[in-house]
Amino acid sequence: RLGNRTNLMEAATLGAAANAAQANAFAANVLPVVKSIQASGVTSLRGI
C-alpha cells in the first residue's frame, strides 16, 4: 500500500516541520538582500 492512513498526525507534523525549514532557508537567502537595503538607508519595514 503506497501511503499509510494510520499516521496522518505524524505526516502532518513532518509536513509542518518541512514547511518551517523551507521558510527558514528562504529567510536566510533573502536576509543579505534586506541587509544591503538597510545599509542603503531604507530601514522601515514598509520601505524594505
All heavy atoms as atom14 arrays in JSON, in Angstrom:
{
  "sequence": "RLGNRTNLMEAATLGAAANAAQANAFAANVLPVVKSIQASGVTSLRGI",
  "atom14_mask": [
    [1, 1, 1, 1, 1, 1, 1, 1, 1, 1, 1, 0, 0, 0],
    [1, 1, 1, 1, 1, 1, 1, 1, 0, 0, 0, 0, 0, 0],
    [1, 1, 1, 1, 0, 0, 0, 0, 0, 0, 0, 0, 0, 0],
    [1, 1, 1, 1, 1, 1, 1, 1, 0, 0, 0, 0, 0, 0],
    [1, 1, 1, 1, 1, 1, 1, 1, 1, 1, 1, 0, 0, 0],
    [1, 1, 1, 1, 1, 1, 1, 0, 0, 0, 0, 0, 0, 0],
    [1, 1, 1, 1, 1, 1, 1, 1, 0, 0, 0, 0, 0, 0],
    [1, 1, 1, 1, 1, 1, 1, 1, 0, 0, 0, 0, 0, 0],
    [1, 1, 1, 1, 1, 1, 1, 1, 0, 0, 0, 0, 0, 0],
    [1, 1, 1, 1, 1, 1, 1, 1, 1, 0, 0, 0, 0, 0],
    [1, 1, 1, 1, 1, 0, 0, 0, 0, 0, 0, 0, 0, 0],
    [1, 1, 1, 1, 1, 0, 0, 0, 0, 0, 0, 0, 0, 0],
    [1, 1, 1, 1, 1, 1, 1, 0, 0, 0, 0, 0, 0, 0],
    [1, 1, 1, 1, 1, 1, 1, 1, 0, 0, 0, 0, 0, 0],
    [1, 1, 1, 1, 0, 0, 0, 0, 0, 0, 0, 0, 0, 0],
    [1, 1, 1, 1, 1, 0, 0, 0, 0, 0, 0, 0, 0, 0],
    [1, 1, 1, 1, 1, 0, 0, 0, 0, 0, 0, 0, 0, 0],
    [1, 1, 1, 1, 1, 0, 0, 0, 0, 0, 0, 0, 0, 0],
    [1, 1, 1, 1, 1, 1, 1, 1, 0, 0, 0, 0, 0, 0],
    [1, 1, 1, 1, 1, 0, 0, 0, 0, 0, 0, 0, 0, 0],
    [1, 1, 1, 1, 1, 0, 0, 0, 0, 0, 0, 0, 0, 0],
    [1, 1, 1, 1, 1, 1, 1, 1, 1, 0, 0, 0, 0, 0],
    [1, 1, 1, 1, 1, 0, 0, 0, 0, 0, 0, 0, 0, 0],
    [1, 1, 1, 1, 1, 1, 1, 1, 0, 0, 0, 0, 0, 0],
    [1, 1, 1, 1, 1, 0, 0, 0, 0, 0, 0, 0, 0, 0],
    [1, 1, 1, 1, 1, 1, 1, 1, 1, 1, 1, 0, 0, 0],
    [1, 1, 1, 1, 1, 0, 0, 0, 0, 0, 0, 0, 0, 0],
    [1, 1, 1, 1, 1, 0, 0, 0, 0, 0, 0, 0, 0, 0],
    [1, 1, 1, 1, 1, 1, 1, 1, 0, 0, 0, 0, 0, 0],
    [1, 1, 1, 1, 1, 1, 1, 0, 0, 0, 0, 0, 0, 0],
    [1, 1, 1, 1, 1, 1, 1, 1, 0, 0, 0, 0, 0, 0],
    [1, 1, 1, 1, 1, 1, 1, 0, 0, 0, 0, 0, 0, 0],
    [1, 1, 1, 1, 1, 1, 1, 0, 0, 0, 0, 0, 0, 0],
    [1, 1, 1, 1, 1, 1, 1, 0, 0, 0, 0, 0, 0, 0],
    [1, 1, 1, 1, 1, 1, 1, 1, 1, 0, 0, 0, 0, 0],
    [1, 1, 1, 1, 1, 1, 0, 0, 0, 0, 0, 0, 0, 0],
    [1, 1, 1, 1, 1, 1, 1, 1, 0, 0, 0, 0, 0, 0],
    [1, 1, 1, 1, 1, 1, 1, 1, 1, 0, 0, 0, 0, 0],
    [1, 1, 1, 1, 1, 0, 0, 0, 0, 0, 0, 0, 0, 0],
    [1, 1, 1, 1, 1, 1, 0, 0, 0, 0, 0, 0, 0, 0],
    [1, 1, 1, 1, 0, 0, 0, 0, 0, 0, 0, 0, 0, 0],
    [1, 1, 1, 1, 1, 1, 1, 0, 0, 0, 0, 0, 0, 0],
    [1, 1, 1, 1, 1, 1, 1, 0, 0, 0, 0, 0, 0, 0],
    [1, 1, 1, 1, 1, 1, 0, 0, 0, 0, 0, 0, 0, 0],
    [1, 1, 1, 1, 1, 1, 1, 1, 0, 0, 0, 0, 0, 0],
    [1, 1, 1, 1, 1, 1, 1, 1, 1, 1, 1, 0, 0, 0],
    [1, 1, 1, 1, 0, 0, 0, 0, 0, 0, 0, 0, 0, 0],
    [1, 1, 1, 1, 1, 1, 1, 1, 0, 0, 0, 0, 0, 0]
  ],
  "atom14_positions": [
    [[0.86, -1.19, 0.0], [0.0, 0.0, 0.0], [0.89, 1.23, 0.0], [1.68, 1.44, 0.9], [-0.92, 0.0, 1.22], [-1.94, -1.12, 1.23], [-2.9, -0.96, 2.39], [-3.67, 0.26, 2.29], [-4.51, 0.7, 3.24], [-4.63, 0.02, 4.37], [-5.19, 1.81, 3.08], [0.0, 0.0, 0.0], [0.0, 0.0, 0.0], [0.0, 0.0, 0.0]],
    [[0.75, 2.03, -1.03], [1.55, 3.25, -1.13], [0.85, 4.34, -0.33], [-0.13, 4.93, -0.75], [1.7, 3.65, -2.61], [2.35, 2.6, -3.51], [2.47, 3.11, -4.93], [3.71, 2.19, -2.97], [0.0, 0.0, 0.0], [0.0, 0.0, 0.0], [0.0, 0.0, 0.0], [0.0, 0.0, 0.0], [0.0, 0.0, 0.0], [0.0, 0.0, 0.0]],
    [[1.38, 4.58, 0.85], [0.72, 5.56, 1.71], [0.21, 4.85, 2.95], [-0.16, 3.67, 2.91], [0.0, 0.0, 0.0], [0.0, 0.0, 0.0], [0.0, 0.0, 0.0], [0.0, 0.0, 0.0], [0.0, 0.0, 0.0], [0.0, 0.0, 0.0], [0.0, 0.0, 0.0], [0.0, 0.0, 0.0], [0.0, 0.0, 0.0], [0.0, 0.0, 0.0]],
    [[0.19, 5.54, 4.04], [-0.24, 4.94, 5.3], [-1.25, 5.85, 5.96], [-0.9, 6.93, 6.43], [0.98, 4.73, 6.2], [0.6, 3.99, 7.48], [-0.57, 3.82, 7.78], [1.62, 3.57, 8.21], [0.0, 0.0, 0.0], [0.0, 0.0, 0.0], [0.0, 0.0, 0.0], [0.0, 0.0, 0.0], [0.0, 0.0, 0.0], [0.0, 0.0, 0.0]],
    [[-2.51, 5.42, 5.97], [-3.57, 6.28, 6.51], [-3.59, 6.29, 8.03], [-4.39, 7.01, 8.63], [-4.92, 5.8, 5.98], [-5.02, 5.89, 4.46], [-6.37, 5.47, 3.96], [-6.46, 5.56, 2.52], [-7.55, 5.26, 1.82], [-8.66, 4.88, 2.44], [-7.54, 5.36, 0.5], [0.0, 0.0, 0.0], [0.0, 0.0, 0.0], [0.0, 0.0, 0.0]],
    [[-2.76, 5.49, 8.66], [-2.78, 5.43, 10.13], [-1.82, 6.43, 10.76], [-1.81, 6.57, 11.97], [-2.41, 4.01, 10.61], [-1.05, 3.73, 10.24], [-3.33, 2.97, 9.99], [0.0, 0.0, 0.0], [0.0, 0.0, 0.0], [0.0, 0.0, 0.0], [0.0, 0.0, 0.0], [0.0, 0.0, 0.0], [0.0, 0.0, 0.0], [0.0, 0.0, 0.0]],
    [[-1.01, 7.09, 9.93], [-0.02, 8.0, 10.52], [-0.22, 9.43, 10.01], [0.72, 10.14, 9.74], [1.41, 7.53, 10.23], [1.71, 7.55, 8.73], [0.82, 7.7, 7.9], [2.99, 7.42, 8.4], [0.0, 0.0, 0.0], [0.0, 0.0, 0.0], [0.0, 0.0, 0.0], [0.0, 0.0, 0.0], [0.0, 0.0, 0.0], [0.0, 0.0, 0.0]],
    [[-1.49, 9.83, 9.87], [-1.78, 11.16, 9.35], [-1.24, 12.25, 10.26], [-0.74, 13.27, 9.79], [-3.3, 11.33, 9.18], [-3.95, 10.43, 8.11], [-5.45, 10.71, 8.03], [-3.29, 10.65, 6.76], [0.0, 0.0, 0.0], [0.0, 0.0, 0.0], [0.0, 0.0, 0.0], [0.0, 0.0, 0.0], [0.0, 0.0, 0.0], [0.0, 0.0, 0.0]],
    [[-1.33, 12.06, 11.58], [-0.82, 13.06, 12.51], [0.68, 13.23, 12.38], [1.21, 14.33, 12.35], [-1.17, 12.66, 13.96], [-0.73, 13.71, 14.99], [-1.61, 15.29, 14.77], [-3.24, 14.79, 15.36], [0.0, 0.0, 0.0], [0.0, 0.0, 0.0], [0.0, 0.0, 0.0], [0.0, 0.0, 0.0], [0.0, 0.0, 0.0], [0.0, 0.0, 0.0]],
    [[1.37, 12.08, 12.26], [2.83, 12.12, 12.09], [3.2, 12.81, 10.78], [4.12, 13.63, 10.73], [3.4, 10.71, 12.1], [4.92, 10.66, 11.92], [5.44, 9.24, 11.87], [4.65, 8.3, 12.08], [6.65, 9.07, 11.61], [0.0, 0.0, 0.0], [0.0, 0.0, 0.0], [0.0, 0.0, 0.0], [0.0, 0.0, 0.0], [0.0, 0.0, 0.0]],
    [[2.44, 12.49, 9.71], [2.71, 13.11, 8.42], [2.48, 14.61, 8.47], [3.25, 15.4, 7.89], [1.82, 12.48, 7.35], [0.0, 0.0, 0.0], [0.0, 0.0, 0.0], [0.0, 0.0, 0.0], [0.0, 0.0, 0.0], [0.0, 0.0, 0.0], [0.0, 0.0, 0.0], [0.0, 0.0, 0.0], [0.0, 0.0, 0.0], [0.0, 0.0, 0.0]],
    [[1.42, 15.02, 9.16], [1.14, 16.45, 9.28], [2.25, 17.16, 10.04], [2.65, 18.28, 9.69], [-0.2, 16.66, 9.98], [0.0, 0.0, 0.0], [0.0, 0.0, 0.0], [0.0, 0.0, 0.0], [0.0, 0.0, 0.0], [0.0, 0.0, 0.0], [0.0, 0.0, 0.0], [0.0, 0.0, 0.0], [0.0, 0.0, 0.0], [0.0, 0.0, 0.0]],
    [[2.75, 16.52, 11.1], [3.84, 17.11, 11.88], [5.1, 17.25, 11.04], [5.76, 18.29, 11.06], [4.14, 16.23, 13.12], [2.96, 16.14, 13.92], [5.26, 16.85, 13.94], [0.0, 0.0, 0.0], [0.0, 0.0, 0.0], [0.0, 0.0, 0.0], [0.0, 0.0, 0.0], [0.0, 0.0, 0.0], [0.0, 0.0, 0.0], [0.0, 0.0, 0.0]],
    [[5.4, 16.19, 10.28], [6.59, 16.24, 9.42], [6.42, 17.3, 8.34], [7.36, 18.0, 7.99], [6.82, 14.87, 8.78], [7.27, 13.75, 9.72], [7.31, 12.42, 8.99], [8.64, 14.07, 10.31], [0.0, 0.0, 0.0], [0.0, 0.0, 0.0], [0.0, 0.0, 0.0], [0.0, 0.0, 0.0], [0.0, 0.0, 0.0], [0.0, 0.0, 0.0]],
    [[5.2, 17.42, 7.82], [4.94, 18.44, 6.8], [5.13, 19.84, 7.35], [5.71, 20.7, 6.68], [0.0, 0.0, 0.0], [0.0, 0.0, 0.0], [0.0, 0.0, 0.0], [0.0, 0.0, 0.0], [0.0, 0.0, 0.0], [0.0, 0.0, 0.0], [0.0, 0.0, 0.0], [0.0, 0.0, 0.0], [0.0, 0.0, 0.0], [0.0, 0.0, 0.0]],
    [[4.64, 20.07, 8.56], [4.81, 21.38, 9.18], [6.28, 21.69, 9.42], [6.74, 22.82, 9.21], [4.03, 21.44, 10.5], [0.0, 0.0, 0.0], [0.0, 0.0, 0.0], [0.0, 0.0, 0.0], [0.0, 0.0, 0.0], [0.0, 0.0, 0.0], [0.0, 0.0, 0.0], [0.0, 0.0, 0.0], [0.0, 0.0, 0.0], [0.0, 0.0, 0.0]],
    [[7.03, 20.67, 9.85], [8.47, 20.86, 10.09], [9.18, 21.18, 8.78], [10.08, 22.03, 8.73], [9.06, 19.61, 10.72], [0.0, 0.0, 0.0], [0.0, 0.0, 0.0], [0.0, 0.0, 0.0], [0.0, 0.0, 0.0], [0.0, 0.0, 0.0], [0.0, 0.0, 0.0], [0.0, 0.0, 0.0], [0.0, 0.0, 0.0], [0.0, 0.0, 0.0]],
    [[8.79, 20.48, 7.7], [9.41, 20.74, 6.39], [9.1, 22.14, 5.92], [9.97, 22.84, 5.38], [8.91, 19.71, 5.38], [0.0, 0.0, 0.0], [0.0, 0.0, 0.0], [0.0, 0.0, 0.0], [0.0, 0.0, 0.0], [0.0, 0.0, 0.0], [0.0, 0.0, 0.0], [0.0, 0.0, 0.0], [0.0, 0.0, 0.0], [0.0, 0.0, 0.0]],
    [[7.86, 22.59, 6.12], [7.49, 23.95, 5.72], [8.28, 24.98, 6.5], [8.72, 26.0, 5.96], [5.99, 24.17, 5.93], [5.14, 23.41, 4.94], [5.62, 23.06, 3.86], [3.89, 23.15, 5.28], [0.0, 0.0, 0.0], [0.0, 0.0, 0.0], [0.0, 0.0, 0.0], [0.0, 0.0, 0.0], [0.0, 0.0, 0.0], [0.0, 0.0, 0.0]],
    [[8.46, 24.73, 7.8], [9.22, 25.66, 8.63], [10.67, 25.71, 8.19], [11.28, 26.8, 8.12], [9.14, 25.24, 10.11], [0.0, 0.0, 0.0], [0.0, 0.0, 0.0], [0.0, 0.0, 0.0], [0.0, 0.0, 0.0], [0.0, 0.0, 0.0], [0.0, 0.0, 0.0], [0.0, 0.0, 0.0], [0.0, 0.0, 0.0], [0.0, 0.0, 0.0]],
    [[11.25, 24.55, 7.87], [12.64, 24.51, 7.41], [12.79, 25.26, 6.09], [13.77, 25.97, 5.87], [13.09, 23.05, 7.25], [0.0, 0.0, 0.0], [0.0, 0.0, 0.0], [0.0, 0.0, 0.0], [0.0, 0.0, 0.0], [0.0, 0.0, 0.0], [0.0, 0.0, 0.0], [0.0, 0.0, 0.0], [0.0, 0.0, 0.0], [0.0, 0.0, 0.0]],
    [[11.81, 25.1, 5.21], [11.85, 25.79, 3.93], [11.75, 27.3, 4.13], [12.47, 28.07, 3.49], [10.71, 25.29, 3.04], [10.82, 25.72, 1.58], [9.75, 25.07, 0.73], [8.57, 25.36, 0.89], [10.16, 24.22, -0.19], [0.0, 0.0, 0.0], [0.0, 0.0, 0.0], [0.0, 0.0, 0.0], [0.0, 0.0, 0.0], [0.0, 0.0, 0.0]],
    [[10.87, 27.73, 5.05], [10.73, 29.16, 5.32], [12.01, 29.72, 5.92], [12.43, 30.84, 5.58], [9.55, 29.38, 6.27], [0.0, 0.0, 0.0], [0.0, 0.0, 0.0], [0.0, 0.0, 0.0], [0.0, 0.0, 0.0], [0.0, 0.0, 0.0], [0.0, 0.0, 0.0], [0.0, 0.0, 0.0], [0.0, 0.0, 0.0], [0.0, 0.0, 0.0]],
    [[12.65, 28.95, 6.79], [13.91, 29.41, 7.39], [15.01, 29.52, 6.33], [15.82, 30.45, 6.36], [14.36, 28.44, 8.49], [13.48, 28.54, 9.73], [12.85, 29.57, 9.98], [13.43, 27.47, 10.51], [0.0, 0.0, 0.0], [0.0, 0.0, 0.0], [0.0, 0.0, 0.0], [0.0, 0.0, 0.0], [0.0, 0.0, 0.0], [0.0, 0.0, 0.0]],
    [[15.04, 28.57, 5.39], [16.03, 28.61, 4.32], [15.81, 29.83, 3.44], [16.76, 30.52, 3.06], [15.97, 27.33, 3.49], [0.0, 0.0, 0.0], [0.0, 0.0, 0.0], [0.0, 0.0, 0.0], [0.0, 0.0, 0.0], [0.0, 0.0, 0.0], [0.0, 0.0, 0.0], [0.0, 0.0, 0.0], [0.0, 0.0, 0.0], [0.0, 0.0, 0.0]],
    [[14.56, 30.11, 3.14], [14.26, 31.28, 2.31], [14.68, 32.56, 3.03], [15.27, 33.47, 2.43], [12.76, 31.33, 1.98], [12.38, 32.51, 1.13], [12.49, 32.45, -0.25], [11.94, 33.69, 1.7], [12.16, 33.53, -1.04], [11.6, 34.79, 0.93], [11.71, 34.7, -0.46], [0.0, 0.0, 0.0], [0.0, 0.0, 0.0], [0.0, 0.0, 0.0]],
    [[14.38, 32.64, 4.33], [14.75, 33.82, 5.11], [16.26, 34.02, 5.11], [16.75, 35.14, 4.99], [14.23, 33.68, 6.54], [0.0, 0.0, 0.0], [0.0, 0.0, 0.0], [0.0, 0.0, 0.0], [0.0, 0.0, 0.0], [0.0, 0.0, 0.0], [0.0, 0.0, 0.0], [0.0, 0.0, 0.0], [0.0, 0.0, 0.0], [0.0, 0.0, 0.0]],
    [[17.01, 32.92, 5.22], [18.47, 33.0, 5.2], [18.96, 33.5, 3.85], [19.94, 34.25, 3.76], [19.08, 31.63, 5.52], [0.0, 0.0, 0.0], [0.0, 0.0, 0.0], [0.0, 0.0, 0.0], [0.0, 0.0, 0.0], [0.0, 0.0, 0.0], [0.0, 0.0, 0.0], [0.0, 0.0, 0.0], [0.0, 0.0, 0.0], [0.0, 0.0, 0.0]],
    [[18.28, 33.09, 2.78], [18.67, 33.51, 1.44], [18.45, 35.0, 1.22], [19.28, 35.7, 0.62], [17.87, 32.74, 0.38], [18.27, 31.28, 0.32], [19.35, 30.91, 0.76], [17.4, 30.46, -0.22], [0.0, 0.0, 0.0], [0.0, 0.0, 0.0], [0.0, 0.0, 0.0], [0.0, 0.0, 0.0], [0.0, 0.0, 0.0], [0.0, 0.0, 0.0]],
    [[17.3, 35.49, 1.68], [16.92, 36.87, 1.37], [17.5, 37.87, 2.36], [17.56, 39.07, 2.08], [15.38, 36.98, 1.32], [14.78, 37.13, 2.72], [14.93, 38.13, 0.42], [0.0, 0.0, 0.0], [0.0, 0.0, 0.0], [0.0, 0.0, 0.0], [0.0, 0.0, 0.0], [0.0, 0.0, 0.0], [0.0, 0.0, 0.0], [0.0, 0.0, 0.0]],
    [[17.97, 37.39, 3.52], [18.49, 38.29, 4.55], [19.62, 39.19, 4.04], [19.63, 40.39, 4.34], [18.95, 37.51, 5.78], [19.38, 38.37, 6.97], [18.21, 39.22, 7.47], [19.91, 37.49, 8.1], [0.0, 0.0, 0.0], [0.0, 0.0, 0.0], [0.0, 0.0, 0.0], [0.0, 0.0, 0.0], [0.0, 0.0, 0.0], [0.0, 0.0, 0.0]],
    [[20.62, 38.66, 3.27], [21.67, 39.56, 2.77], [21.14, 40.69, 1.91], [21.67, 41.8, 1.92], [22.57, 38.61, 1.94], [22.33, 37.27, 2.51], [20.89, 37.26, 2.89], [0.0, 0.0, 0.0], [0.0, 0.0, 0.0], [0.0, 0.0, 0.0], [0.0, 0.0, 0.0], [0.0, 0.0, 0.0], [0.0, 0.0, 0.0], [0.0, 0.0, 0.0]],
    [[20.06, 40.42, 1.17], [19.45, 41.47, 0.35], [18.83, 42.53, 1.25], [18.97, 43.73, 1.03], [18.39, 40.87, -0.6], [17.82, 41.95, -1.5], [18.97, 39.74, -1.41], [0.0, 0.0, 0.0], [0.0, 0.0, 0.0], [0.0, 0.0, 0.0], [0.0, 0.0, 0.0], [0.0, 0.0, 0.0], [0.0, 0.0, 0.0], [0.0, 0.0, 0.0]],
    [[18.12, 42.08, 2.29], [17.49, 43.01, 3.23], [18.55, 43.85, 3.93], [18.4, 45.08, 4.09], [16.65, 42.24, 4.28], [16.13, 43.18, 5.36], [15.48, 41.53, 3.6], [0.0, 0.0, 0.0], [0.0, 0.0, 0.0], [0.0, 0.0, 0.0], [0.0, 0.0, 0.0], [0.0, 0.0, 0.0], [0.0, 0.0, 0.0], [0.0, 0.0, 0.0]],
    [[19.65, 43.23, 4.32], [20.74, 43.95, 4.99], [21.32, 45.03, 4.07], [21.64, 46.14, 4.52], [21.84, 42.98, 5.41], [21.42, 41.99, 6.5], [21.12, 42.7, 7.81], [20.85, 41.69, 8.91], [20.48, 42.35, 10.2], [0.0, 0.0, 0.0], [0.0, 0.0, 0.0], [0.0, 0.0, 0.0], [0.0, 0.0, 0.0], [0.0, 0.0, 0.0]],
    [[21.46, 44.71, 2.79], [22.01, 45.69, 1.85], [21.05, 46.85, 1.67], [21.46, 48.01, 1.51], [22.32, 45.03, 0.5], [21.13, 44.68, -0.18], [0.0, 0.0, 0.0], [0.0, 0.0, 0.0], [0.0, 0.0, 0.0], [0.0, 0.0, 0.0], [0.0, 0.0, 0.0], [0.0, 0.0, 0.0], [0.0, 0.0, 0.0], [0.0, 0.0, 0.0]],
    [[19.75, 46.57, 1.69], [18.74, 47.62, 1.59], [18.8, 48.52, 2.82], [18.76, 49.76, 2.72], [17.34, 47.0, 1.42], [17.24, 46.29, 0.07], [16.26, 48.08, 1.55], [15.95, 45.5, -0.1], [0.0, 0.0, 0.0], [0.0, 0.0, 0.0], [0.0, 0.0, 0.0], [0.0, 0.0, 0.0], [0.0, 0.0, 0.0], [0.0, 0.0, 0.0]],
    [[18.92, 47.9, 4.0], [19.02, 48.68, 5.23], [20.28, 49.54, 5.24], [20.26, 50.7, 5.66], [19.02, 47.75, 6.44], [17.69, 47.04, 6.67], [17.77, 46.0, 7.78], [18.77, 45.29, 7.92], [16.71, 45.89, 8.58], [0.0, 0.0, 0.0], [0.0, 0.0, 0.0], [0.0, 0.0, 0.0], [0.0, 0.0, 0.0], [0.0, 0.0, 0.0]],
    [[21.37, 48.98, 4.72], [22.64, 49.72, 4.68], [22.54, 50.93, 3.75], [23.26, 51.92, 3.93], [23.77, 48.81, 4.22], [0.0, 0.0, 0.0], [0.0, 0.0, 0.0], [0.0, 0.0, 0.0], [0.0, 0.0, 0.0], [0.0, 0.0, 0.0], [0.0, 0.0, 0.0], [0.0, 0.0, 0.0], [0.0, 0.0, 0.0], [0.0, 0.0, 0.0]],
    [[21.65, 50.86, 2.76], [21.5, 51.99, 1.83], [20.66, 53.11, 2.43], [20.49, 54.16, 1.81], [20.86, 51.5, 0.53], [19.49, 51.18, 0.72], [0.0, 0.0, 0.0], [0.0, 0.0, 0.0], [0.0, 0.0, 0.0], [0.0, 0.0, 0.0], [0.0, 0.0, 0.0], [0.0, 0.0, 0.0], [0.0, 0.0, 0.0], [0.0, 0.0, 0.0]],
    [[20.1, 52.88, 3.63], [19.34, 53.93, 4.3], [17.86, 53.66, 4.41], [17.13, 54.43, 5.05], [0.0, 0.0, 0.0], [0.0, 0.0, 0.0], [0.0, 0.0, 0.0], [0.0, 0.0, 0.0], [0.0, 0.0, 0.0], [0.0, 0.0, 0.0], [0.0, 0.0, 0.0], [0.0, 0.0, 0.0], [0.0, 0.0, 0.0], [0.0, 0.0, 0.0]],
    [[17.39, 52.58, 3.81], [15.97, 52.22, 3.89], [15.8, 51.28, 5.08], [16.21, 50.12, 5.03], [15.48, 51.54, 2.59], [14.0, 51.18, 2.7], [15.72, 52.45, 1.4], [0.0, 0.0, 0.0], [0.0, 0.0, 0.0], [0.0, 0.0, 0.0], [0.0, 0.0, 0.0], [0.0, 0.0, 0.0], [0.0, 0.0, 0.0], [0.0, 0.0, 0.0]],
    [[15.2, 51.76, 6.15], [15.15, 50.96, 7.38], [13.74, 50.56, 7.81], [13.58, 49.64, 8.6], [15.81, 51.73, 8.54], [15.16, 53.0, 8.69], [17.3, 51.95, 8.25], [0.0, 0.0, 0.0], [0.0, 0.0, 0.0], [0.0, 0.0, 0.0], [0.0, 0.0, 0.0], [0.0, 0.0, 0.0], [0.0, 0.0, 0.0], [0.0, 0.0, 0.0]],
    [[12.71, 51.23, 7.3], [11.35, 50.87, 7.71], [10.93, 49.58, 7.02], [11.37, 49.26, 5.92], [10.37, 51.99, 7.35], [10.17, 52.05, 5.95], [0.0, 0.0, 0.0], [0.0, 0.0, 0.0], [0.0, 0.0, 0.0], [0.0, 0.0, 0.0], [0.0, 0.0, 0.0], [0.0, 0.0, 0.0], [0.0, 0.0, 0.0], [0.0, 0.0, 0.0]],
    [[10.07, 48.83, 7.69], [9.59, 47.57, 7.12], [8.87, 47.81, 5.8], [9.04, 47.05, 4.83], [8.65, 46.87, 8.11], [9.28, 46.42, 9.43], [8.22, 45.83, 10.35], [10.39, 45.4, 9.18], [0.0, 0.0, 0.0], [0.0, 0.0, 0.0], [0.0, 0.0, 0.0], [0.0, 0.0, 0.0], [0.0, 0.0, 0.0], [0.0, 0.0, 0.0]],
    [[8.06, 48.86, 5.75], [7.32, 49.16, 4.52], [8.28, 49.56, 3.41], [8.11, 49.16, 2.26], [6.32, 50.29, 4.77], [5.49, 50.66, 3.55], [4.41, 51.67, 3.89], [3.47, 51.12, 4.87], [2.44, 51.8, 5.37], [2.25, 53.06, 5.0], [1.61, 51.24, 6.22], [0.0, 0.0, 0.0], [0.0, 0.0, 0.0], [0.0, 0.0, 0.0]],
    [[9.32, 50.32, 3.74], [10.3, 50.73, 2.73], [11.09, 49.55, 2.2], [11.36, 49.46, 1.0], [0.0, 0.0, 0.0], [0.0, 0.0, 0.0], [0.0, 0.0, 0.0], [0.0, 0.0, 0.0], [0.0, 0.0, 0.0], [0.0, 0.0, 0.0], [0.0, 0.0, 0.0], [0.0, 0.0, 0.0], [0.0, 0.0, 0.0], [0.0, 0.0, 0.0]],
    [[11.47, 48.63, 3.1], [12.2, 47.42, 2.67], [11.32, 46.58, 1.75], [11.77, 46.09, 0.71], [12.64, 46.59, 3.89], [13.68, 47.37, 4.7], [13.21, 45.25, 3.47], [14.01, 46.75, 6.05], [0.0, 0.0, 0.0], [0.0, 0.0, 0.0], [0.0, 0.0, 0.0], [0.0, 0.0, 0.0], [0.0, 0.0, 0.0], [0.0, 0.0, 0.0]]
  ]
}
